[in-house]
Amino acid sequence: MITLILLALATMVTLSLGGFMPLFSIVFGWLFLYYLIIYIVLILLRKKENNILKYAMATLICIPMVWALFAPEYLFDFLLQGVKLDFR
């Protein structure tokens, strides 16, 4: 839930800034939708006792975070499909 709030705030802040920053609001918006879908699925799975599904959802939660830690430029390139950014 905290991740959703932070991503929503980041999306609004980057949209309000000028210049290059609205491109980042697209990335934060996609990540917000991704985590929102996972959060809804977790709410629906709360009553289930299947641990495999819970571990799968935990893995889906961690994938973008780990990807952003090790290669943030590739994460942004993947989410911005067509807008090539060079972070060097």
Protein backbone atom coordinates (compact mmCIF):
# COMPACT_ATOMS: atom_id res chain seq x y z
CA MET A 1 0.00 0.00 0.00
CA ILE A 2 2.87 2.37 0.78
CA THR A 3 4.36 1.65 -2.64
CA LEU A 4 1.08 2.64 -4.30
CA ILE A 5 0.94 5.91 -2.38
CA LEU A 6 4.57 6.76 -3.20
CA LEU A 7 4.10 5.95 -6.89
CA ALA A 8 0.92 8.04 -7.07
CA LEU A 9 2.73 10.98 -5.46
CA ALA A 10 5.74 10.55 -7.75
CA THR A 11 3.44 10.52 -10.78
CA MET A 12 1.70 13.73 -9.71
CA VAL A 13 4.94 15.51 -8.83
CA THR A 14 6.69 14.62 -12.09
CA LEU A 15 3.63 15.70 -14.06
CA SER A 16 3.70 19.09 -12.36
CA LEU A 17 7.39 19.65 -13.14
CA GLY A 18 8.37 20.94 -16.54
CA GLY A 19 10.89 19.95 -19.13
CA PHE A 20 12.09 16.37 -19.13
CA MET A 21 10.26 15.15 -16.01
CA PRO A 22 6.82 14.32 -17.50
CA LEU A 23 8.50 11.39 -19.28
CA PHE A 24 9.18 9.89 -15.87
CA SER A 25 5.51 10.28 -14.94
CA ILE A 26 4.74 7.71 -17.65
CA VAL A 27 7.08 5.23 -15.98
CA PHE A 28 5.68 5.91 -12.52
CA GLY A 29 2.14 5.58 -13.88
CA TRP A 30 2.87 2.16 -15.42
CA LEU A 31 4.47 0.99 -12.18
CA PHE A 32 1.48 2.32 -10.22
CA LEU A 33 -0.92 0.32 -12.39
CA TYR A 34 1.27 -2.80 -12.10
CA TYR A 35 1.32 -2.64 -8.30
CA LEU A 36 -2.38 -1.76 -8.16
CA ILE A 37 -3.24 -4.92 -10.09
CA ILE A 38 -1.02 -7.00 -7.81
CA TYR A 39 -2.62 -5.41 -4.74
CA ILE A 40 -6.13 -6.23 -6.00
CA VAL A 41 -5.12 -9.83 -6.73
CA LEU A 42 -3.60 -10.12 -3.25
CA ILE A 43 -6.85 -8.92 -1.71
CA LEU A 44 -8.74 -11.56 -3.69
CA LEU A 45 -6.23 -14.26 -2.68
CA ARG A 46 -6.32 -13.34 1.00
CA LYS A 47 -8.90 -16.03 1.75
CA LYS A 48 -7.04 -18.74 -0.16
CA GLU A 49 -4.65 -21.07 1.64
CA ASN A 50 -2.49 -21.74 -1.43
CA ASN A 51 1.05 -20.68 -0.52
CA ILE A 52 2.35 -21.11 -4.07
CA LEU A 53 0.13 -18.26 -5.27
CA LYS A 54 1.29 -16.06 -2.41
CA TYR A 55 4.95 -16.73 -3.19
CA ALA A 56 4.29 -16.03 -6.87
CA MET A 57 2.73 -12.68 -5.99
CA ALA A 58 5.64 -11.83 -3.69
CA THR A 59 8.00 -12.56 -6.58
CA LEU A 60 5.97 -10.29 -8.87
CA ILE A 61 6.20 -7.53 -6.28
CA CYS A 62 10.00 -7.82 -6.02
CA ILE A 63 10.88 -8.08 -9.74
CA PRO A 64 10.59 -4.34 -10.63
CA MET A 65 12.33 -3.30 -7.42
CA VAL A 66 15.30 -5.59 -8.01
CA TRP A 67 15.40 -4.58 -11.68
CA ALA A 68 15.42 -0.90 -10.69
CA LEU A 69 18.28 -1.50 -8.25
CA PHE A 70 20.58 -3.25 -10.70
CA ALA A 71 19.70 -1.67 -14.06
CA PRO A 72 17.36 1.34 -13.79
CA GLU A 73 18.11 2.54 -17.32
CA TYR A 74 16.86 -0.75 -18.80
CA LEU A 75 13.70 -0.59 -16.69
CA PHE A 76 12.99 2.92 -17.98
CA ASP A 77 13.74 1.87 -21.57
CA PHE A 78 11.36 -1.08 -21.21
CA LEU A 79 8.56 1.04 -19.77
CA LEU A 80 9.03 3.89 -22.25
CA GLN A 81 9.06 1.64 -25.36
CA GLY A 82 10.22 3.91 -28.15
CA VAL A 83 11.69 6.81 -26.18
CA LYS A 84 15.40 6.06 -25.89
CA LEU A 85 17.15 7.67 -22.92
CA ASP A 86 20.89 7.64 -22.44
CA PHE A 87 21.84 7.98 -18.77
CA ARG A 88 25.57 8.31 -19.41
